[in-house]
Amino acid sequence: MTSWVLINVLVLMQIPNLKLEFLGYYLAELSLLENDCVKLLPSLVAASVVFLSRFTIQPKLHPWVRAYF
């Protein structure tokens, strides 16, 4: 599985939000440019990207939703 697929799964576990999804894809692409991130598991990259995207878009809300637990 790639990080794109995992981002899609994590985003679809909540209310669909195109801004969140596109920001997640963008951050995942940026992580491929960083040599230290290339050796990480795609699931770790996807989880980090979703966390950062949710926090960036809605900073007053907790970045994780109950569906992730």
C-alpha atoms as a PDB file:
ATOM      1  CA  MET A   1       0.000   0.000   0.000  1.00  0.00           C
ATOM      2  CA  THR A   2       1.141   3.481  -0.720  1.00  0.00           C
ATOM      3  CA  SER A   3       0.686   6.476   1.522  1.00  0.00           C
ATOM      4  CA  TRP A   4      -1.879   7.861  -0.984  1.00  0.00           C
ATOM      5  CA  VAL A   5      -4.177   4.888  -0.407  1.00  0.00           C
ATOM      6  CA  LEU A   6      -3.804   5.133   3.357  1.00  0.00           C
ATOM      7  CA  ILE A   7      -4.492   8.877   3.319  1.00  0.00           C
ATOM      8  CA  ASN A   8      -7.638   8.203   1.331  1.00  0.00           C
ATOM      9  CA  VAL A   9      -8.763   5.576   3.862  1.00  0.00           C
ATOM     10  CA  LEU A  10      -8.075   7.840   6.849  1.00  0.00           C
ATOM     11  CA  VAL A  11      -9.850  10.798   5.252  1.00  0.00           C
ATOM     12  CA  LEU A  12     -12.893   8.698   4.308  1.00  0.00           C
ATOM     13  CA  MET A  13     -13.266   7.516   7.923  1.00  0.00           C
ATOM     14  CA  GLN A  14     -14.639  10.954   8.721  1.00  0.00           C
ATOM     15  CA  ILE A  15     -16.773  13.538   6.933  1.00  0.00           C
ATOM     16  CA  PRO A  16     -15.250  13.917   3.438  1.00  0.00           C
ATOM     17  CA  ASN A  17     -13.289  17.123   3.121  1.00  0.00           C
ATOM     18  CA  LEU A  18     -11.569  17.890  -0.193  1.00  0.00           C
ATOM     19  CA  LYS A  19      -9.317  20.530   1.338  1.00  0.00           C
ATOM     20  CA  LEU A  20      -8.055  18.008   3.879  1.00  0.00           C
ATOM     21  CA  GLU A  21      -7.579  15.342   1.228  1.00  0.00           C
ATOM     22  CA  PHE A  22      -5.664  17.578  -1.191  1.00  0.00           C
ATOM     23  CA  LEU A  23      -3.470  19.044   1.548  1.00  0.00           C
ATOM     24  CA  GLY A  24      -2.708  15.496   2.663  1.00  0.00           C
ATOM     25  CA  TYR A  25      -1.696  14.441  -0.829  1.00  0.00           C
ATOM     26  CA  TYR A  26       0.478  17.540  -1.163  1.00  0.00           C
ATOM     27  CA  LEU A  27       2.250  16.896   2.137  1.00  0.00           C
ATOM     28  CA  ALA A  28       2.762  13.239   1.200  1.00  0.00           C
ATOM     29  CA  GLU A  29       4.376  14.332  -2.056  1.00  0.00           C
ATOM     30  CA  LEU A  30       6.617  16.749  -0.165  1.00  0.00           C
ATOM     31  CA  SER A  31       7.681  13.962   2.166  1.00  0.00           C
ATOM     32  CA  LEU A  32       9.007  12.037  -0.839  1.00  0.00           C
ATOM     33  CA  LEU A  33      11.458  14.873  -1.486  1.00  0.00           C
ATOM     34  CA  GLU A  34      12.979  14.519   1.981  1.00  0.00           C
ATOM     35  CA  ASN A  35      15.509  11.688   2.133  1.00  0.00           C
ATOM     36  CA  ASP A  36      14.810  10.956   5.806  1.00  0.00           C
ATOM     37  CA  CYS A  37      11.097  10.420   5.126  1.00  0.00           C
ATOM     38  CA  VAL A  38      11.616   8.009   2.228  1.00  0.00           C
ATOM     39  CA  LYS A  39      12.729   5.237   4.568  1.00  0.00           C
ATOM     40  CA  LEU A  40       9.597   5.530   6.756  1.00  0.00           C
ATOM     41  CA  LEU A  41       6.647   3.178   6.417  1.00  0.00           C
ATOM     42  CA  PRO A  42       3.818   4.529   4.230  1.00  0.00           C
ATOM     43  CA  SER A  43       1.367   4.080   7.105  1.00  0.00           C
ATOM     44  CA  LEU A  44       3.469   6.330   9.351  1.00  0.00           C
ATOM     45  CA  VAL A  45       3.732   8.970   6.635  1.00  0.00           C
ATOM     46  CA  ALA A  46      -0.022   8.804   5.995  1.00  0.00           C
ATOM     47  CA  ALA A  47      -0.911   9.090   9.682  1.00  0.00           C
ATOM     48  CA  SER A  48       1.460  12.033  10.121  1.00  0.00           C
ATOM     49  CA  VAL A  49       0.112  13.749   7.034  1.00  0.00           C
ATOM     50  CA  VAL A  50      -3.512  13.365   8.122  1.00  0.00           C
ATOM     51  CA  PHE A  51      -2.666  14.633  11.614  1.00  0.00           C
ATOM     52  CA  LEU A  52      -0.824  17.672  10.258  1.00  0.00           C
ATOM     53  CA  SER A  53      -3.502  18.405   7.657  1.00  0.00           C
ATOM     54  CA  ARG A  54      -6.328  18.260  10.202  1.00  0.00           C
ATOM     55  CA  PHE A  55      -4.374  20.438  12.628  1.00  0.00           C
ATOM     56  CA  THR A  56      -3.547  22.972   9.895  1.00  0.00           C
ATOM     57  CA  ILE A  57      -7.117  23.274   8.627  1.00  0.00           C
ATOM     58  CA  GLN A  58      -8.859  23.197  12.025  1.00  0.00           C
ATOM     59  CA  PRO A  59      -6.340  24.179  14.724  1.00  0.00           C
ATOM     60  CA  LYS A  60      -8.950  24.465  17.495  1.00  0.00           C
ATOM     61  CA  LEU A  61     -10.196  20.882  17.073  1.00  0.00           C
ATOM     62  CA  HIS A  62      -8.378  17.767  18.221  1.00  0.00           C
ATOM     63  CA  PRO A  63      -6.628  16.295  15.138  1.00  0.00           C
ATOM     64  CA  TRP A  64      -7.711  12.697  15.792  1.00  0.00           C
ATOM     65  CA  VAL A  65     -11.295  11.515  15.567  1.00  0.00           C
ATOM     66  CA  ARG A  66     -12.766   8.550  17.457  1.00  0.00           C
ATOM     67  CA  ALA A  67     -12.908   6.458  14.259  1.00  0.00           C
ATOM     68  CA  TYR A  68      -9.098   6.202  14.271  1.00  0.00           C
ATOM     69  CA  PHE A  69      -8.950   4.359  17.613  1.00  0.00           C
END
